[in-house]
Amino acid sequence: METRLYVGNLSYNSTEGDIEELFKQAGTVVKCELMLDKFTSRSRGFAFVEMGSPDEANKAVDMLNEQDLDGRNLRVNIAKPREERPPRREGGGGDNRGRGGGGGNRERY
């Protein structure tokens, strides 16, 4: 059973401390990780919380899903495992989709 929770629909004003305090109502919070934009360091509106046991994680989902925090109704679910992603393609280039061919009716000399 999983102990890691996804917490979505967070206010941009919510802090890791706010989230941790709320989740302590359901049990031991092992880790709270508010996801931040890497360029602006502003909240991305979601976090991951790791609870002490699967029972505490399930209790947190039952207690806190749709709970109000800073004027927003939270979305709390068991986090899905991160899938392997194919490597990103680098650079521009493109693949010439949506562009016409050459001017086919020209006579050649």
PDB file of N, CA and C in Angstrom:
ATOM      1  N   MET A   1       0.847  -1.193   0.000  1.00  0.00           N
ATOM      2  CA  MET A   1       0.000   0.000   0.000  1.00  0.00           C
ATOM      3  C   MET A   1       0.888   1.251   0.000  1.00  0.00           C
ATOM      4  N   GLU A   2       0.355   2.265  -0.591  1.00  0.00           N
ATOM      5  CA  GLU A   2       1.097   3.514  -0.746  1.00  0.00           C
ATOM      6  C   GLU A   2       0.930   4.440   0.459  1.00  0.00           C
ATOM      7  N   THR A   3       1.956   5.232   0.709  1.00  0.00           N
ATOM      8  CA  THR A   3       1.898   6.239   1.772  1.00  0.00           C
ATOM      9  C   THR A   3       2.068   7.648   1.216  1.00  0.00           C
ATOM     10  N   ARG A   4       2.357   7.746  -0.079  1.00  0.00           N
ATOM     11  CA  ARG A   4       2.587   9.051  -0.714  1.00  0.00           C
ATOM     12  C   ARG A   4       1.280   9.557  -1.314  1.00  0.00           C
ATOM     13  N   LEU A   5       0.953  10.810  -0.993  1.00  0.00           N
ATOM     14  CA  LEU A   5      -0.304  11.410  -1.437  1.00  0.00           C
ATOM     15  C   LEU A   5      -0.053  12.576  -2.379  1.00  0.00           C
ATOM     16  N   TYR A   6      -0.935  12.707  -3.356  1.00  0.00           N
ATOM     17  CA  TYR A   6      -0.959  13.885  -4.223  1.00  0.00           C
ATOM     18  C   TYR A   6      -1.963  14.859  -3.618  1.00  0.00           C
ATOM     19  N   VAL A   7      -1.579  16.117  -3.483  1.00  0.00           N
ATOM     20  CA  VAL A   7      -2.460  17.156  -2.953  1.00  0.00           C
ATOM     21  C   VAL A   7      -2.544  18.250  -4.010  1.00  0.00           C
ATOM     22  N   GLY A   8      -3.714  18.400  -4.619  1.00  0.00           N
ATOM     23  CA  GLY A   8      -3.882  19.369  -5.693  1.00  0.00           C
ATOM     24  C   GLY A   8      -4.871  20.458  -5.340  1.00  0.00           C
ATOM     25  N   ASN A   9      -4.969  21.429  -6.235  1.00  0.00           N
ATOM     26  CA  ASN A   9      -5.863  22.585  -6.104  1.00  0.00           C
ATOM     27  C   ASN A   9      -5.481  23.463  -4.915  1.00  0.00           C
ATOM     28  N   LEU A  10      -4.182  23.547  -4.656  1.00  0.00           N
ATOM     29  CA  LEU A  10      -3.693  24.385  -3.559  1.00  0.00           C
ATOM     30  C   LEU A  10      -3.689  25.851  -3.963  1.00  0.00           C
ATOM     31  N   SER A  11      -3.939  26.698  -3.001  1.00  0.00           N
ATOM     32  CA  SER A  11      -3.779  28.137  -3.200  1.00  0.00           C
ATOM     33  C   SER A  11      -2.290  28.424  -3.387  1.00  0.00           C
ATOM     34  N   TYR A  12      -1.977  29.420  -4.196  1.00  0.00           N
ATOM     35  CA  TYR A  12      -0.576  29.805  -4.368  1.00  0.00           C
ATOM     36  C   TYR A  12       0.001  30.379  -3.075  1.00  0.00           C
ATOM     37  N   ASN A  13      -0.862  30.708  -2.111  1.00  0.00           N
ATOM     38  CA  ASN A  13      -0.411  31.245  -0.826  1.00  0.00           C
ATOM     39  C   ASN A  13      -0.145  30.158   0.214  1.00  0.00           C
ATOM     40  N   SER A  14      -0.562  28.924  -0.048  1.00  0.00           N
ATOM     41  CA  SER A  14      -0.339  27.836   0.910  1.00  0.00           C
ATOM     42  C   SER A  14       1.147  27.512   0.990  1.00  0.00           C
ATOM     43  N   THR A  15       1.607  27.210   2.206  1.00  0.00           N
ATOM     44  CA  THR A  15       3.016  26.864   2.418  1.00  0.00           C
ATOM     45  C   THR A  15       3.130  25.394   2.816  1.00  0.00           C
ATOM     46  N   GLU A  16       4.354  24.874   2.769  1.00  0.00           N
ATOM     47  CA  GLU A  16       4.574  23.500   3.228  1.00  0.00           C
ATOM     48  C   GLU A  16       4.138  23.353   4.680  1.00  0.00           C
ATOM     49  N   GLY A  17       4.393  24.374   5.501  1.00  0.00           N
ATOM     50  CA  GLY A  17       3.983  24.335   6.908  1.00  0.00           C
ATOM     51  C   GLY A  17       2.478  24.228   7.068  1.00  0.00           C
ATOM     52  N   ASP A  18       1.721  24.986   6.260  1.00  0.00           N
ATOM     53  CA  ASP A  18       0.252  24.922   6.308  1.00  0.00           C
ATOM     54  C   ASP A  18      -0.236  23.518   5.970  1.00  0.00           C
ATOM     55  N   ILE A  19       0.345  22.953   4.921  1.00  0.00           N
ATOM     56  CA  ILE A  19      -0.072  21.630   4.444  1.00  0.00           C
ATOM     57  C   ILE A  19       0.277  20.572   5.482  1.00  0.00           C
ATOM     58  N   GLU A  20       1.496  20.648   6.015  1.00  0.00           N
ATOM     59  CA  GLU A  20       1.941  19.679   7.016  1.00  0.00           C
ATOM     60  C   GLU A  20       1.052  19.720   8.253  1.00  0.00           C
ATOM     61  N   GLU A  21       0.725  20.910   8.730  1.00  0.00           N
ATOM     62  CA  GLU A  21      -0.155  21.045   9.901  1.00  0.00           C
ATOM     63  C   GLU A  21      -1.510  20.397   9.647  1.00  0.00           C
ATOM     64  N   LEU A  22      -2.064  20.617   8.475  1.00  0.00           N
ATOM     65  CA  LEU A  22      -3.365  20.043   8.139  1.00  0.00           C
ATOM     66  C   LEU A  22      -3.297  18.516   8.118  1.00  0.00           C
ATOM     67  N   PHE A  23      -2.246  17.971   7.501  1.00  0.00           N
ATOM     68  CA  PHE A  23      -2.145  16.518   7.352  1.00  0.00           C
ATOM     69  C   PHE A  23      -1.780  15.815   8.654  1.00  0.00           C
ATOM     70  N   LYS A  24      -1.216  16.531   9.621  1.00  0.00           N
ATOM     71  CA  LYS A  24      -0.922  15.937  10.927  1.00  0.00           C
ATOM     72  C   LYS A  24      -2.201  15.486  11.632  1.00  0.00           C
ATOM     73  N   GLN A  25      -3.339  16.029  11.236  1.00  0.00           N
ATOM     74  CA  GLN A  25      -4.622  15.593  11.812  1.00  0.00           C
ATOM     75  C   GLN A  25      -4.890  14.120  11.509  1.00  0.00           C
ATOM     76  N   ALA A  26      -4.293  13.617  10.424  1.00  0.00           N
ATOM     77  CA  ALA A  26      -4.530  12.235  10.012  1.00  0.00           C
ATOM     78  C   ALA A  26      -3.427  11.287  10.466  1.00  0.00           C
ATOM     79  N   GLY A  27      -2.322  11.813  11.000  1.00  0.00           N
ATOM     80  CA  GLY A  27      -1.238  10.947  11.448  1.00  0.00           C
ATOM     81  C   GLY A  27       0.118  11.593  11.249  1.00  0.00           C
ATOM     82  N   THR A  28       1.134  10.753  11.206  1.00  0.00           N
ATOM     83  CA  THR A  28       2.514  11.212  11.088  1.00  0.00           C
ATOM     84  C   THR A  28       2.825  11.646   9.661  1.00  0.00           C
ATOM     85  N   VAL A  29       3.335  12.864   9.527  1.00  0.00           N
ATOM     86  CA  VAL A  29       3.772  13.348   8.220  1.00  0.00           C
ATOM     87  C   VAL A  29       5.279  13.122   8.133  1.00  0.00           C
ATOM     88  N   VAL A  30       5.694  12.237   7.228  1.00  0.00           N
ATOM     89  CA  VAL A  30       7.108  11.926   7.044  1.00  0.00           C
ATOM     90  C   VAL A  30       7.773  13.010   6.205  1.00  0.00           C
ATOM     91  N   LYS A  31       7.072  13.465   5.167  1.00  0.00           N
ATOM     92  CA  LYS A  31       7.649  14.457   4.258  1.00  0.00           C
ATOM     93  C   LYS A  31       6.528  15.236   3.584  1.00  0.00           C
ATOM     94  N   CYS A  32       6.751  16.526   3.418  1.00  0.00           N
ATOM     95  CA  CYS A  32       5.810  17.385   2.695  1.00  0.00           C
ATOM     96  C   CYS A  32       6.622  18.161   1.668  1.00  0.00           C
ATOM     97  N   GLU A  33       6.227  18.056   0.416  1.00  0.00           N
ATOM     98  CA  GLU A  33       6.997  18.666  -0.670  1.00  0.00           C
ATOM     99  C   GLU A  33       6.068  19.495  -1.559  1.00  0.00           C
ATOM    100  N   LEU A  34       6.103  20.807  -1.380  1.00  0.00           N
ATOM    101  CA  LEU A  34       5.328  21.728  -2.210  1.00  0.00           C
ATOM    102  C   LEU A  34       6.095  21.939  -3.505  1.00  0.00           C
ATOM    103  N   MET A  35       5.452  21.712  -4.632  1.00  0.00           N
ATOM    104  CA  MET A  35       6.128  21.826  -5.919  1.00  0.00           C
ATOM    105  C   MET A  35       6.178  23.290  -6.352  1.00  0.00           C
ATOM    106  N   LEU A  36       7.386  23.739  -6.688  1.00  0.00           N
ATOM    107  CA  LEU A  36       7.613  25.135  -7.055  1.00  0.00           C
ATOM    108  C   LEU A  36       8.057  25.236  -8.509  1.00  0.00           C
ATOM    109  N   ASP A  37       7.686  26.334  -9.151  1.00  0.00           N
ATOM    110  CA  ASP A  37       8.159  26.626 -10.497  1.00  0.00           C
ATOM    111  C   ASP A  37       9.666  26.867 -10.430  1.00  0.00           C
ATOM    112  N   LYS A  38      10.425  26.210 -11.296  1.00  0.00           N
ATOM    113  CA  LYS A  38      11.885  26.315 -11.188  1.00  0.00           C
ATOM    114  C   LYS A  38      12.429  27.673 -11.603  1.00  0.00           C
ATOM    115  N   PHE A  39      11.650  28.456 -12.334  1.00  0.00           N
ATOM    116  CA  PHE A  39      12.127  29.770 -12.762  1.00  0.00           C
ATOM    117  C   PHE A  39      11.707  30.884 -11.805  1.00  0.00           C
ATOM    118  N   THR A  40      10.472  30.791 -11.281  1.00  0.00           N
ATOM    119  CA  THR A  40       9.957  31.878 -10.440  1.00  0.00           C
ATOM    120  C   THR A  40       9.946  31.534  -8.961  1.00  0.00           C
ATOM    121  N   SER A  41      10.148  30.267  -8.613  1.00  0.00           N
ATOM    122  CA  SER A  41      10.062  29.763  -7.235  1.00  0.00           C
ATOM    123  C   SER A  41       8.679  29.961  -6.630  1.00  0.00           C
ATOM    124  N   ARG A  42       7.675  30.147  -7.467  1.00  0.00           N
ATOM    125  CA  ARG A  42       6.293  30.291  -7.016  1.00  0.00           C
ATOM    126  C   ARG A  42       5.630  28.910  -6.995  1.00  0.00           C
ATOM    127  N   SER A  43       4.687  28.717  -6.090  1.00  0.00           N
ATOM    128  CA  SER A  43       3.978  27.449  -5.982  1.00  0.00           C
ATOM    129  C   SER A  43       3.320  27.089  -7.309  1.00  0.00           C
ATOM    130  N   ARG A  44       3.349  25.801  -7.646  1.00  0.00           N
ATOM    131  CA  ARG A  44       2.675  25.316  -8.846  1.00  0.00           C
ATOM    132  C   ARG A  44       1.252  24.856  -8.525  1.00  0.00           C
ATOM    133  N   GLY A  45       0.845  24.955  -7.260  1.00  0.00           N
ATOM    134  CA  GLY A  45      -0.530  24.620  -6.891  1.00  0.00           C
ATOM    135  C   GLY A  45      -0.759  23.171  -6.513  1.00  0.00           C
ATOM    136  N   PHE A  46       0.331  22.411  -6.339  1.00  0.00           N
ATOM    137  CA  PHE A  46       0.166  21.039  -5.861  1.00  0.00           C
ATOM    138  C   PHE A  46       1.378  20.629  -5.036  1.00  0.00           C
ATOM    139  N   ALA A  47       1.184  19.549  -4.265  1.00  0.00           N
ATOM    140  CA  ALA A  47       2.242  19.068  -3.378  1.00  0.00           C
ATOM    141  C   ALA A  47       2.145  17.554  -3.265  1.00  0.00           C
ATOM    142  N   PHE A  48       3.178  16.959  -2.680  1.00  0.00           N
ATOM    143  CA  PHE A  48       3.163  15.548  -2.325  1.00  0.00           C
ATOM    144  C   PHE A  48       3.432  15.453  -0.833  1.00  0.00           C
ATOM    145  N   VAL A  49       2.633  14.617  -0.163  1.00  0.00           N
ATOM    146  CA  VAL A  49       2.788  14.406   1.276  1.00  0.00           C
ATOM    147  C   VAL A  49       2.966  12.916   1.499  1.00  0.00           C
ATOM    148  N   GLU A  50       3.998  12.559   2.250  1.00  0.00           N
ATOM    149  CA  GLU A  50       4.210  11.161   2.599  1.00  0.00           C
ATOM    150  C   GLU A  50       3.796  10.957   4.045  1.00  0.00           C
ATOM    151  N   MET A  51       2.877  10.026   4.246  1.00  0.00           N
ATOM    152  CA  MET A  51       2.372   9.724   5.581  1.00  0.00           C
ATOM    153  C   MET A  51       3.145   8.547   6.172  1.00  0.00           C
ATOM    154  N   GLY A  52       3.019   8.350   7.488  1.00  0.00           N
ATOM    155  CA  GLY A  52       3.768   7.322   8.202  1.00  0.00           C
ATOM    156  C   GLY A  52       3.371   5.896   7.889  1.00  0.00           C
ATOM    157  N   SER A  53       2.136   5.672   7.461  1.00  0.00           N
ATOM    158  CA  SER A  53       1.675   4.315   7.166  1.00  0.00           C
ATOM    159  C   SER A  53       0.565   4.380   6.115  1.00  0.00           C
ATOM    160  N   PRO A  54       0.291   3.257   5.464  1.00  0.00           N
ATOM    161  CA  PRO A  54      -0.821   3.229   4.507  1.00  0.00           C
ATOM    162  C   PRO A  54      -2.166   3.573   5.156  1.00  0.00           C
ATOM    163  N   ASP A  55      -2.366   3.138   6.405  1.00  0.00           N
ATOM    164  CA  ASP A  55      -3.621   3.466   7.096  1.00  0.00           C
ATOM    165  C   ASP A  55      -3.761   4.974   7.293  1.00  0.00           C
ATOM    166  N   GLU A  56      -2.657   5.627   7.671  1.00  0.00           N
ATOM    167  CA  GLU A  56      -2.696   7.083   7.844  1.00  0.00           C
ATOM    168  C   GLU A  56      -2.915   7.784   6.507  1.00  0.00           C
ATOM    169  N   ALA A  57      -2.338   7.241   5.444  1.00  0.00           N
ATOM    170  CA  ALA A  57      -2.540   7.831   4.113  1.00  0.00           C
ATOM    171  C   ALA A  57      -4.013   7.739   3.713  1.00  0.00           C
ATOM    172  N   ASN A  58      -4.616   6.579   3.923  1.00  0.00           N
ATOM    173  CA  ASN A  58      -6.042   6.417   3.595  1.00  0.00           C
ATOM    174  C   ASN A  58      -6.914   7.314   4.460  1.00  0.00           C
ATOM    175  N   LYS A  59      -6.554   7.446   5.728  1.00  0.00           N
ATOM    176  CA  LYS A  59      -7.297   8.331   6.630  1.00  0.00           C
ATOM    177  C   LYS A  59      -7.210   9.776   6.140  1.00  0.00           C
ATOM    178  N   ALA A  60      -6.021  10.190   5.690  1.00  0.00           N
ATOM    179  CA  ALA A  60      -5.844  11.557   5.183  1.00  0.00           C
ATOM    180  C   ALA A  60      -6.706  11.796   3.945  1.00  0.00           C
ATOM    181  N   VAL A  61      -6.766  10.818   3.051  1.00  0.00           N
ATOM    182  CA  VAL A  61      -7.613  10.959   1.856  1.00  0.00           C
ATOM    183  C   VAL A  61      -9.067  11.122   2.284  1.00  0.00           C
ATOM    184  N   ASP A  62      -9.523  10.254   3.183  1.00  0.00           N
ATOM    185  CA  ASP A  62     -10.921  10.316   3.641  1.00  0.00           C
ATOM    186  C   ASP A  62     -11.237  11.629   4.347  1.00  0.00           C
ATOM    187  N   MET A  63     -10.314  12.098   5.187  1.00  0.00           N
ATOM    188  CA  MET A  63     -10.552  13.314   5.979  1.00  0.00           C
ATOM    189  C   MET A  63     -10.407  14.602   5.179  1.00  0.00           C
ATOM    190  N   LEU A  64      -9.419  14.629   4.278  1.00  0.00           N
ATOM    191  CA  LEU A  64      -8.976  15.915   3.736  1.00  0.00           C
ATOM    192  C   LEU A  64      -9.327  16.163   2.270  1.00  0.00           C
ATOM    193  N   ASN A  65      -9.762  15.150   1.537  1.00  0.00           N
ATOM    194  CA  ASN A  65     -10.199  15.400   0.162  1.00  0.00           C
ATOM    195  C   ASN A  65     -11.419  16.315   0.211  1.00  0.00           C
ATOM    196  N   GLU A  66     -11.400  17.372  -0.568  1.00  0.00           N
ATOM    197  CA  GLU A  66     -12.449  18.405  -0.619  1.00  0.00           C
ATOM    198  C   GLU A  66     -12.443  19.332   0.603  1.00  0.00           C
ATOM    199  N   GLN A  67     -11.453  19.179   1.496  1.00  0.00           N
ATOM    200  CA  GLN A  67     -11.313  20.066   2.660  1.00  0.00           C
ATOM    201  C   GLN A  67     -10.827  21.437   2.192  1.00  0.00           C
ATOM    202  N   ASP A  68     -11.313  22.494   2.828  1.00  0.00           N
ATOM    203  CA  ASP A  68     -10.897  23.850   2.479  1.00  0.00           C
ATOM    204  C   ASP A  68      -9.550  24.183   3.122  1.00  0.00           C
ATOM    205  N   LEU A  69      -8.642  24.739   2.321  1.00  0.00           N
ATOM    206  CA  LEU A  69      -7.386  25.289   2.821  1.00  0.00           C
ATOM    207  C   LEU A  69      -7.120  26.566   2.040  1.00  0.00           C
ATOM    208  N   ASP A  70      -7.049  27.681   2.739  1.00  0.00           N
ATOM    209  CA  ASP A  70      -6.813  28.991   2.115  1.00  0.00           C
ATOM    210  C   ASP A  70      -7.820  29.299   1.006  1.00  0.00           C
ATOM    211  N   GLY A  71      -9.089  28.913   1.249  1.00  0.00           N
ATOM    212  CA  GLY A  71     -10.148  29.245   0.295  1.00  0.00           C
ATOM    213  C   GLY A  71     -10.258  28.320  -0.901  1.00  0.00           C
ATOM    214  N   ARG A  72      -9.520  27.212  -0.911  1.00  0.00           N
ATOM    215  CA  ARG A  72      -9.569  26.260  -2.029  1.00  0.00           C
ATOM    216  C   ARG A  72      -9.935  24.882  -1.499  1.00  0.00           C
ATOM    217  N   ASN A  73     -10.760  24.131  -2.243  1.00  0.00           N
ATOM    218  CA  ASN A  73     -11.082  22.752  -1.879  1.00  0.00           C
ATOM    219  C   ASN A  73      -9.985  21.833  -2.404  1.00  0.00           C
ATOM    220  N   LEU A  74      -9.281  21.190  -1.486  1.00  0.00           N
ATOM    221  CA  LEU A  74      -8.158  20.335  -1.858  1.00  0.00           C
ATOM    222  C   LEU A  74      -8.611  19.089  -2.596  1.00  0.00           C
ATOM    223  N   ARG A  75      -7.742  18.595  -3.450  1.00  0.00           N
ATOM    224  CA  ARG A  75      -7.894  17.282  -4.082  1.00  0.00           C
ATOM    225  C   ARG A  75      -6.788  16.415  -3.482  1.00  0.00           C
ATOM    226  N   VAL A  76      -7.183  15.374  -2.770  1.00  0.00           N
ATOM    227  CA  VAL A  76      -6.199  14.506  -2.116  1.00  0.00           C
ATOM    228  C   VAL A  76      -6.436  13.076  -2.582  1.00  0.00           C
ATOM    229  N   ASN A  77      -5.406  12.459  -3.178  1.00  0.00           N
ATOM    230  CA  ASN A  77      -5.496  11.063  -3.609  1.00  0.00           C
ATOM    231  C   ASN A  77      -4.148  10.387  -3.364  1.00  0.00           C
ATOM    232  N   ILE A  78      -4.183   9.062  -3.403  1.00  0.00           N
ATOM    233  CA  ILE A  78      -2.937   8.304  -3.360  1.00  0.00           C
ATOM    234  C   ILE A  78      -2.167   8.663  -4.631  1.00  0.00           C
ATOM    235  N   ALA A  79      -0.894   9.012  -4.475  1.00  0.00           N
ATOM    236  CA  ALA A  79      -0.082   9.425  -5.629  1.00  0.00           C
ATOM    237  C   ALA A  79       0.174   8.236  -6.545  1.00  0.00           C
ATOM    238  N   LYS A  80       0.110   8.492  -7.835  1.00  0.00           N
ATOM    239  CA  LYS A  80       0.436   7.457  -8.816  1.00  0.00           C
ATOM    240  C   LYS A  80       1.954   7.390  -8.944  1.00  0.00           C
ATOM    241  N   PRO A  81       2.485   6.180  -9.145  1.00  0.00           N
ATOM    242  CA  PRO A  81       3.937   6.082  -9.320  1.00  0.00           C
ATOM    243  C   PRO A  81       4.367   6.859 -10.562  1.00  0.00           C
ATOM    244  N   ARG A  82       5.511   7.462 -10.489  1.00  0.00           N
ATOM    245  CA  ARG A  82       6.015   8.239 -11.615  1.00  0.00           C
ATOM    246  C   ARG A  82       6.401   7.283 -12.742  1.00  0.00           C
ATOM    247  N   GLU A  83       5.885   7.549 -13.924  1.00  0.00           N
ATOM    248  CA  GLU A  83       6.165   6.685 -15.064  1.00  0.00           C
ATOM    249  C   GLU A  83       7.472   7.101 -15.719  1.00  0.00           C
ATOM    250  N   GLU A  84       8.114   6.118 -16.325  1.00  0.00           N
ATOM    251  CA  GLU A  84       9.309   6.421 -17.104  1.00  0.00           C
ATOM    252  C   GLU A  84       8.884   7.234 -18.315  1.00  0.00           C
ATOM    253  N   ARG A  85       9.565   8.328 -18.529  1.00  0.00           N
ATOM    254  CA  ARG A  85       9.244   9.168 -19.680  1.00  0.00           C
ATOM    255  C   ARG A  85      10.346   9.048 -20.715  1.00  0.00           C
ATOM    256  N   PRO A  86       9.971   9.076 -21.999  1.00  0.00           N
ATOM    257  CA  PRO A  86      11.025   9.069 -23.015  1.00  0.00           C
ATOM    258  C   PRO A  86      11.816  10.366 -22.926  1.00  0.00           C
ATOM    259  N   PRO A  87      13.076  10.331 -23.312  1.00  0.00           N
ATOM    260  CA  PRO A  87      13.865  11.562 -23.245  1.00  0.00           C
ATOM    261  C   PRO A  87      13.276  12.640 -24.145  1.00  0.00           C
ATOM    262  N   ARG A  88      13.399  13.873 -23.693  1.00  0.00           N
ATOM    263  CA  ARG A  88      12.882  14.990 -24.492  1.00  0.00           C
ATOM    264  C   ARG A  88      13.792  15.232 -25.681  1.00  0.00           C
ATOM    265  N   ARG A  89      13.160  15.642 -26.790  1.00  0.00           N
ATOM    266  CA  ARG A  89      13.961  16.019 -27.957  1.00  0.00           C
ATOM    267  C   ARG A  89      14.545  17.394 -27.716  1.00  0.00           C
ATOM    268  N   GLU A  90      15.748  17.555 -28.113  1.00  0.00           N
ATOM    269  CA  GLU A  90      16.415  18.838 -27.939  1.00  0.00           C
ATOM    270  C   GLU A  90      16.216  19.714 -29.159  1.00  0.00           C
ATOM    271  N   GLY A  91      16.202  20.993 -28.931  1.00  0.00           N
ATOM    272  CA  GLY A  91      16.259  21.974 -30.008  1.00  0.00           C
ATOM    273  C   GLY A  91      15.015  22.085 -30.853  1.00  0.00           C
ATOM    274  N   GLY A  92      15.115  22.899 -31.877  1.00  0.00           N
ATOM    275  CA  GLY A  92      13.986  23.190 -32.766  1.00  0.00           C
ATOM    276  C   GLY A  92      13.895  22.178 -33.878  1.00  0.00           C
ATOM    277  N   GLY A  93      14.171  22.605 -35.078  1.00  0.00           N
ATOM    278  CA  GLY A  93      14.147  21.687 -36.196  1.00  0.00           C
ATOM    279  C   GLY A  93      12.763  21.518 -36.766  1.00  0.00           C
ATOM    280  N   GLY A  94      11.940  20.777 -36.114  1.00  0.00           N
ATOM    281  CA  GLY A  94      10.593  20.547 -36.618  1.00  0.00           C
ATOM    282  C   GLY A  94      10.586  19.394 -37.598  1.00  0.00           C
ATOM    283  N   ASP A  95       9.401  19.054 -38.068  1.00  0.00           N
ATOM    284  CA  ASP A  95       9.276  17.915 -38.966  1.00  0.00           C
ATOM    285  C   ASP A  95       8.527  18.262 -40.245  1.00  0.00           C
ATOM    286  N   ASN A  96       8.379  19.542 -40.561  1.00  0.00           N
ATOM    287  CA  ASN A  96       7.790  20.021 -41.809  1.00  0.00           C
ATOM    288  C   ASN A  96       6.324  19.627 -41.969  1.00  0.00           C
ATOM    289  N   ARG A  97       5.605  19.385 -40.875  1.00  0.00           N
ATOM    290  CA  ARG A  97       4.177  19.071 -40.993  1.00  0.00           C
ATOM    291  C   ARG A  97       3.403  20.323 -41.347  1.00  0.00           C
ATOM    292  N   GLY A  98       2.369  20.154 -42.162  1.00  0.00           N
ATOM    293  CA  GLY A  98       1.463  21.252 -42.458  1.00  0.00           C
ATOM    294  C   GLY A  98       2.007  22.271 -43.438  1.00  0.00           C
ATOM    295  N   ARG A  99       3.083  21.946 -44.073  1.00  0.00           N
ATOM    296  CA  ARG A  99       3.631  22.883 -45.054  1.00  0.00           C
ATOM    297  C   ARG A  99       3.505  22.253 -46.431  1.00  0.00           C
ATOM    298  N   GLY A 100       3.193  23.079 -47.411  1.00  0.00           N
ATOM    299  CA  GLY A 100       3.010  22.572 -48.772  1.00  0.00           C
ATOM    300  C   GLY A 100       4.314  22.107 -49.386  1.00  0.00           C
ATOM    301  N   GLY A 101       4.173  21.352 -50.464  1.00  0.00           N
ATOM    302  CA  GLY A 101       5.350  20.896 -51.192  1.00  0.00           C
ATOM    303  C   GLY A 101       5.870  22.015 -52.079  1.00  0.00           C
ATOM    304  N   GLY A 102       6.642  21.671 -53.066  1.00  0.00           N
ATOM    305  CA  GLY A 102       7.188  22.662 -53.989  1.00  0.00           C
ATOM    306  C   GLY A 102       6.142  23.099 -55.006  1.00  0.00           C
ATOM    307  N   GLY A 103       6.502  23.968 -55.903  1.00  0.00           N
ATOM    308  CA  GLY A 103       5.565  24.493 -56.893  1.00  0.00           C
ATOM    309  C   GLY A 103       5.431  23.595 -58.103  1.00  0.00           C
ATOM    310  N   GLY A 104       5.000  22.418 -58.029  1.00  0.00           N
ATOM    311  CA  GLY A 104       4.900  21.357 -59.016  1.00  0.00           C
ATOM    312  C   GLY A 104       4.660  21.675 -60.477  1.00  0.00           C
ATOM    313  N   ASN A 105       4.081  22.796 -60.895  1.00  0.00           N
ATOM    314  CA  ASN A 105       3.750  23.034 -62.297  1.00  0.00           C
ATOM    315  C   ASN A 105       4.793  23.823 -63.061  1.00  0.00           C
ATOM    316  N   ARG A 106       5.940  23.994 -62.566  1.00  0.00           N
ATOM    317  CA  ARG A 106       6.962  24.756 -63.278  1.00  0.00           C
ATOM    318  C   ARG A 106       7.600  23.899 -64.368  1.00  0.00           C
ATOM    319  N   GLU A 107       7.803  24.545 -65.499  1.00  0.00           N
ATOM    320  CA  GLU A 107       8.499  23.831 -66.569  1.00  0.00           C
ATOM    321  C   GLU A 107       9.985  23.939 -66.333  1.00  0.00           C
ATOM    322  N   ARG A 108      10.671  22.890 -66.677  1.00  0.00           N
ATOM    323  CA  ARG A 108      12.115  22.902 -66.509  1.00  0.00           C
ATOM    324  C   ARG A 108      12.767  23.094 -67.864  1.00  0.00           C
ATOM    325  N   TYR A 109      13.864  23.800 -67.943  1.00  0.00           N
ATOM    326  CA  TYR A 109      14.569  24.043 -69.208  1.00  0.00           C
ATOM    327  C   TYR A 109      15.839  23.284 -69.260  1.00  0.00           C
TER     328      TYR A 109
END
